[in-house]
Amino acid sequence: MEFYENRAKRPFIGFVLLWRGIKRWHLRRQTQRILQGMSDERLKDIGLRRGDVE
């Protein structure tokens, strides 16, 4: 049996999925902070209300 036949196909997929989840959470939180800092008029310009941001 050769080496490539006896190893896991994707041994680090758990770490990859964890990293993607953390990255997605961070970007979502960053966007939320930016939107919370905007005035009501600017939020209205992009079609959002203050309640949508929270």
C-alpha atoms as a PDB file:
ATOM      1  CA  MET A   1       0.000   0.000   0.000  1.00  0.00           C
ATOM      2  CA  GLU A   2       1.362   3.384  -0.999  1.00  0.00           C
ATOM      3  CA  PHE A   3       1.511   6.421   1.250  1.00  0.00           C
ATOM      4  CA  TYR A   4      -1.134   8.393  -0.627  1.00  0.00           C
ATOM      5  CA  GLU A   5      -3.580   5.479  -0.372  1.00  0.00           C
ATOM      6  CA  ASN A   6      -3.365   5.242   3.396  1.00  0.00           C
ATOM      7  CA  ARG A   7      -3.886   8.835   4.479  1.00  0.00           C
ATOM      8  CA  ALA A   8      -6.933  10.958   5.131  1.00  0.00           C
ATOM      9  CA  LYS A   9      -8.109  12.867   2.108  1.00  0.00           C
ATOM     10  CA  ARG A  10      -8.739  16.157   3.937  1.00  0.00           C
ATOM     11  CA  PRO A  11      -7.200  16.000   7.409  1.00  0.00           C
ATOM     12  CA  PHE A  12      -7.447  19.721   8.192  1.00  0.00           C
ATOM     13  CA  ILE A  13     -10.997  20.383   6.968  1.00  0.00           C
ATOM     14  CA  GLY A  14     -12.135  21.016  10.550  1.00  0.00           C
ATOM     15  CA  PHE A  15      -9.587  23.793  10.959  1.00  0.00           C
ATOM     16  CA  VAL A  16     -10.534  25.265   7.594  1.00  0.00           C
ATOM     17  CA  LEU A  17     -14.230  25.308   8.483  1.00  0.00           C
ATOM     18  CA  LEU A  18     -13.484  26.827  11.884  1.00  0.00           C
ATOM     19  CA  TRP A  19     -11.329  29.547  10.305  1.00  0.00           C
ATOM     20  CA  ARG A  20     -14.031  30.353   7.730  1.00  0.00           C
ATOM     21  CA  GLY A  21     -16.629  30.652  10.479  1.00  0.00           C
ATOM     22  CA  ILE A  22     -14.451  32.987  12.537  1.00  0.00           C
ATOM     23  CA  LYS A  23     -13.682  35.096   9.477  1.00  0.00           C
ATOM     24  CA  ARG A  24     -17.376  35.328   8.538  1.00  0.00           C
ATOM     25  CA  TRP A  25     -18.285  36.338  12.107  1.00  0.00           C
ATOM     26  CA  HIS A  26     -15.545  38.996  12.174  1.00  0.00           C
ATOM     27  CA  LEU A  27     -16.638  40.552   8.871  1.00  0.00           C
ATOM     28  CA  ARG A  28     -20.279  40.576   9.954  1.00  0.00           C
ATOM     29  CA  ARG A  29     -19.369  42.265  13.259  1.00  0.00           C
ATOM     30  CA  GLN A  30     -17.185  44.817  11.470  1.00  0.00           C
ATOM     31  CA  THR A  31     -20.021  45.699   9.090  1.00  0.00           C
ATOM     32  CA  GLN A  32     -22.436  46.018  12.002  1.00  0.00           C
ATOM     33  CA  ARG A  33     -20.105  48.465  13.773  1.00  0.00           C
ATOM     34  CA  ILE A  34     -19.801  50.607  10.642  1.00  0.00           C
ATOM     35  CA  LEU A  35     -23.574  50.689  10.140  1.00  0.00           C
ATOM     36  CA  GLN A  36     -24.185  51.565  13.787  1.00  0.00           C
ATOM     37  CA  GLY A  37     -21.907  54.568  13.397  1.00  0.00           C
ATOM     38  CA  MET A  38     -23.911  55.964  10.475  1.00  0.00           C
ATOM     39  CA  SER A  39     -26.559  58.618  10.904  1.00  0.00           C
ATOM     40  CA  ASP A  40     -30.225  57.861  10.306  1.00  0.00           C
ATOM     41  CA  GLU A  41     -30.145  59.881   7.070  1.00  0.00           C
ATOM     42  CA  ARG A  42     -27.247  57.857   5.651  1.00  0.00           C
ATOM     43  CA  LEU A  43     -28.935  54.607   6.617  1.00  0.00           C
ATOM     44  CA  LYS A  44     -32.093  55.787   4.860  1.00  0.00           C
ATOM     45  CA  ASP A  45     -30.027  56.485   1.707  1.00  0.00           C
ATOM     46  CA  ILE A  46     -28.995  52.835   1.518  1.00  0.00           C
ATOM     47  CA  GLY A  47     -32.464  51.573   2.371  1.00  0.00           C
ATOM     48  CA  LEU A  48     -32.011  50.608   6.027  1.00  0.00           C
ATOM     49  CA  ARG A  49     -33.570  51.706   9.294  1.00  0.00           C
ATOM     50  CA  ARG A  50     -31.922  51.896  12.697  1.00  0.00           C
ATOM     51  CA  GLY A  51     -33.854  48.795  13.776  1.00  0.00           C
ATOM     52  CA  ASP A  52     -32.447  46.802  10.840  1.00  0.00           C
ATOM     53  CA  VAL A  53     -28.885  47.372  11.980  1.00  0.00           C
ATOM     54  CA  GLU A  54     -29.407  46.058  15.496  1.00  0.00           C
END
